[in-house]
Protein backbone atom coordinates (compact mmCIF):
# COMPACT_ATOMS: atom_id res chain seq x y z
CA MET A 1 0.00 0.00 0.00
CA SER A 2 2.98 2.31 0.51
CA LEU A 3 3.59 1.97 -3.25
CA GLY A 4 0.11 3.31 -4.00
CA TYR A 5 -1.68 0.01 -4.59
CA THR A 6 -5.02 -1.04 -3.10
CA SER A 7 -5.38 -3.28 -0.07
CA LYS A 8 -6.61 -6.05 -2.38
CA GLN A 9 -3.41 -5.83 -4.41
CA GLY A 10 -1.43 -5.77 -1.18
CA SER A 11 -3.17 -8.97 -0.14
CA TYR A 12 -1.66 -10.67 -3.21
CA VAL A 13 1.78 -10.10 -1.72
CA SER A 14 0.82 -11.48 1.70
CA CYS A 15 -0.79 -14.46 -0.06
CA MET A 16 2.49 -15.12 -1.90
CA VAL A 17 4.34 -15.05 1.42
CA SER A 18 2.02 -17.83 2.64
CA VAL A 19 2.45 -19.81 -0.59
CA GLY A 20 6.22 -19.44 -0.26
CA SER A 21 6.07 -20.72 3.32
CA LEU A 22 3.94 -23.68 2.26
CA VAL A 23 6.48 -24.72 -0.35
CA GLY A 24 9.74 -23.41 1.09
CA ARG A 25 9.70 -24.67 4.66
CA PRO A 26 9.38 -28.39 3.86
CA ILE A 27 12.03 -28.07 1.16
CA ALA A 28 14.34 -26.23 3.57
CA GLY A 29 13.79 -28.96 6.16
CA TYR A 30 14.58 -31.68 3.63
CA ILE A 31 17.74 -29.92 2.44
CA ALA A 32 18.76 -29.29 6.07
CA ASP A 33 18.42 -33.02 6.80
CA LYS A 34 20.67 -33.74 3.85
CA TYR A 35 23.38 -31.08 4.31
CA GLY A 36 23.03 -30.00 7.94
CA PRO A 37 20.74 -27.45 9.60
CA LEU A 38 23.41 -24.87 10.39
CA THR A 39 24.93 -24.99 6.91
CA VAL A 40 21.55 -24.62 5.20
CA GLY A 41 20.30 -22.02 7.71
CA MET A 42 23.45 -19.94 7.30
CA ILE A 43 23.11 -19.89 3.51
CA LEU A 44 19.35 -19.23 3.46
CA HIS A 45 19.58 -16.40 6.00
CA LEU A 46 22.32 -14.79 3.90
CA VAL A 47 20.15 -15.12 0.78
CA MET A 48 17.26 -13.53 2.67
CA ALA A 49 19.47 -10.59 3.71
CA ILE A 50 20.50 -10.07 0.09
CA LEU A 51 16.85 -10.24 -1.03
CA CYS A 52 15.91 -7.55 1.51
CA TRP A 53 18.62 -5.23 0.24
CA ALA A 54 18.38 -6.07 -3.47
CA MET A 55 14.60 -6.48 -3.95
CA TRP A 56 12.73 -4.87 -1.07
CA ILE A 57 14.54 -1.52 -1.01
CA PRO A 58 14.33 -0.78 -4.77
CA CYS A 59 10.83 -2.32 -5.13
CA LYS A 60 8.62 0.08 -7.10
CA ASN A 61 5.94 -2.14 -8.68
CA LEU A 62 3.48 -4.86 -7.75
CA ALA A 63 5.20 -7.62 -9.77
CA THR A 64 8.47 -7.16 -7.87
CA ALA A 65 6.58 -7.10 -4.57
CA ILE A 66 4.78 -10.35 -5.43
CA VAL A 67 8.03 -12.10 -6.43
CA PHE A 68 9.73 -10.79 -3.29
CA GLY A 69 6.81 -12.04 -1.18
CA LEU A 70 7.08 -15.50 -2.74
CA LEU A 71 10.86 -15.71 -2.30
CA ALA A 72 10.81 -14.21 1.19
CA GLY A 73 8.01 -16.52 2.28
CA SER A 74 9.93 -19.57 1.13
CA ILE A 75 13.11 -18.55 2.96
CA MET A 76 12.18 -16.47 6.02
CA GLY A 77 10.66 -19.29 8.08
CA THR A 78 13.49 -21.78 7.71
CA ILE A 79 14.30 -21.50 11.40
CA TRP A 80 11.16 -23.49 12.28
CA PRO A 81 12.13 -26.80 10.61
CA THR A 82 15.77 -26.51 11.72
CA ILE A 83 15.76 -25.12 15.26
CA ALA A 84 15.12 -28.40 17.07
CA SER A 85 18.06 -30.15 15.44
CA ILE A 86 20.30 -27.11 16.00
CA VAL A 87 19.48 -26.95 19.71
CA ALA A 88 19.96 -30.72 20.01
CA ARG A 89 23.42 -30.44 18.41
CA ILE A 90 24.41 -27.68 20.82
CA VAL A 91 23.26 -29.14 24.16
CA GLY A 92 22.46 -32.80 23.43
CA LEU A 93 19.19 -34.68 23.77
CA GLN A 94 19.28 -34.89 27.58
CA LYS A 95 19.13 -31.10 27.97
CA LEU A 96 17.02 -30.43 24.87
CA ALA A 97 13.66 -29.91 26.62
CA VAL A 98 14.86 -27.23 29.06
CA THR A 99 17.02 -25.43 26.51
CA PHE A 100 14.29 -25.55 23.89
CA GLY A 101 11.81 -23.97 26.33
CA VAL A 102 14.20 -21.12 27.12
CA THR A 103 14.87 -20.68 23.39
CA TRP A 104 11.16 -20.15 22.75
CA ILE A 105 11.02 -17.51 25.48
CA PHE A 106 13.80 -15.54 23.76
CA ILE A 107 12.22 -15.97 20.33
CA ALA A 108 8.84 -14.80 21.64
CA THR A 109 10.40 -11.78 23.33
CA PHE A 110 12.05 -10.61 20.12
CA ALA A 111 8.93 -11.43 18.09
CA LEU A 112 6.93 -9.08 20.33
CA VAL A 113 9.15 -6.06 19.75
CA ALA A 114 10.14 -6.68 16.09
CA PRO A 115 6.93 -5.25 14.53
CA ILE A 116 7.19 -2.18 16.77
CA ILE A 117 10.78 -1.59 15.66
CA GLY A 118 9.76 -2.03 12.02
CA LEU A 119 6.97 0.53 12.33
CA GLU A 120 9.16 3.00 14.22
CA LEU A 121 11.74 2.84 11.43
CA ARG A 122 9.10 3.82 8.87
CA THR A 123 9.57 7.28 7.39
CA THR A 124 6.98 9.81 6.25
CA ASP A 125 8.22 9.62 2.65
CA THR A 126 5.31 9.58 0.20
CA ASN A 127 7.08 8.29 -2.92
CA GLY A 128 7.04 4.61 -1.90
CA ASN A 129 10.24 4.58 0.16
CA GLU A 130 8.72 4.82 3.62
CA TYR A 131 9.91 1.31 4.61
CA TYR A 132 13.47 1.48 3.28
CA ARG A 133 14.97 1.82 6.78
CA THR A 134 12.89 -1.17 7.88
CA ALA A 135 14.24 -3.15 4.91
CA ILE A 136 17.81 -2.22 5.84
CA PHE A 137 17.20 -3.26 9.46
CA VAL A 138 15.61 -6.57 8.44
CA GLY A 139 18.44 -7.25 5.99
CA PHE A 140 21.06 -6.67 8.67
CA SER A 141 19.07 -8.83 11.10
CA TYR A 142 19.14 -11.73 8.64
CA PHE A 143 22.82 -11.06 7.94
CA GLY A 144 23.52 -11.16 11.68
CA ALA A 145 21.59 -14.43 11.97
CA SER A 146 23.66 -15.88 9.13
CA LEU A 147 26.88 -14.71 10.77
CA CYS A 148 25.89 -16.21 14.14
CA GLN A 149 25.04 -19.53 12.48
CA TRP A 150 28.39 -19.49 10.67
CA LEU A 151 30.24 -18.98 13.98
CA LEU A 152 28.15 -21.64 15.73
CA ARG A 153 28.76 -24.03 12.84
CA GLY A 154 32.54 -23.55 13.17
CA PHE A 155 32.35 -24.18 16.91
CA ILE A 156 30.27 -27.36 16.47
CA ILE A 157 32.67 -28.68 13.80
CA ALA A 158 35.65 -28.05 16.10
CA ARG A 159 33.85 -29.68 19.03
CA ASP A 160 32.88 -32.66 16.88
CA GLN A 161 36.47 -33.17 15.77
CA ILE A 162 37.63 -33.23 19.38
CA GLY A 163 34.71 -35.45 20.41
CA VAL A 164 35.35 -37.98 17.65
CA SER A 165 39.08 -38.10 18.44
CA GLU A 166 38.28 -38.70 22.14
CA GLY A 167 35.71 -41.40 21.30
CA TYR A 168 32.47 -39.61 22.19
CA SER A 169 29.29 -40.54 20.38
CA THR A 170 26.87 -37.91 19.07
CA ASP A 171 24.95 -37.43 22.33
CA GLN A 172 27.32 -37.99 25.24
CA ASN A 173 27.03 -34.56 26.86
CA GLU A 174 29.64 -32.81 24.76
CA LEU A 175 29.18 -29.48 26.54
CA HIS A 176 32.29 -30.09 28.63
CA ILE A 177 34.59 -30.25 25.58
CA ASN A 178 36.93 -27.26 25.53
CA VAL A 179 37.50 -25.80 22.06
CA LYS A 180 40.58 -23.62 21.56
CA SER A 181 40.13 -20.44 19.54
CA SER A 182 42.83 -21.45 17.03
CA HIS A 183 41.04 -24.74 16.32
CA PHE A 184 37.69 -22.92 16.15
CA SER A 185 38.98 -20.39 13.60
CA LYS A 186 40.31 -23.19 11.36
CA CYS A 187 36.94 -24.93 11.41
CA LEU A 188 35.02 -21.82 10.31
CA PHE A 189 35.98 -22.51 6.70
CA ARG A 190 35.60 -26.31 6.63
CA TYR A 191 32.97 -27.65 4.29
CA ARG A 192 34.29 -31.09 3.39
CA LYS A 193 35.27 -34.17 5.34
CA LEU A 194 33.32 -33.12 8.41
CA PRO A 195 33.19 -35.57 11.34
CA ARG A 196 29.39 -35.18 11.53
CA ARG A 197 26.73 -33.35 9.54
CA VAL A 198 26.36 -29.79 10.82
């Protein structure tokens, strides 16, 4: 509607977000099972950041908005099919329930304030650019999520290498394993011959 279209035309975009979610989330979950949830999440969050900066900010017509809605819908909810396996890889199955509950509290807290931040960043510009600061903020949020997943992925790979060399199985309370920063930094750029799928 900020581009001058009717609410009915705006509903096409929100409908495409839902269609994207319907198709994208199961595919993201399948690919995450095949290549690892952190690897897939890191890549998809980076793609979403690029889409925010490259499509949302310069968007001036309904066709671009519909395509952006479809692409964003298929990518933006990839945390839902991957979060359980990510939390399980971090803390193990024995501590999954408690950690997962606390994770939802943090997610809900940020979900409450995110729309308020987005609306506060809106400008009074009348030529269709009133949400450009919101798009920049959302893009950097997705970029930050991708960066955090990249760092977490490197840590898990380093911890897995130590765990495998010491004879630990996948879920033997690996939280006690100490990872040195030099080993962690080497594992940030490993993509082949991983001890376990990350």
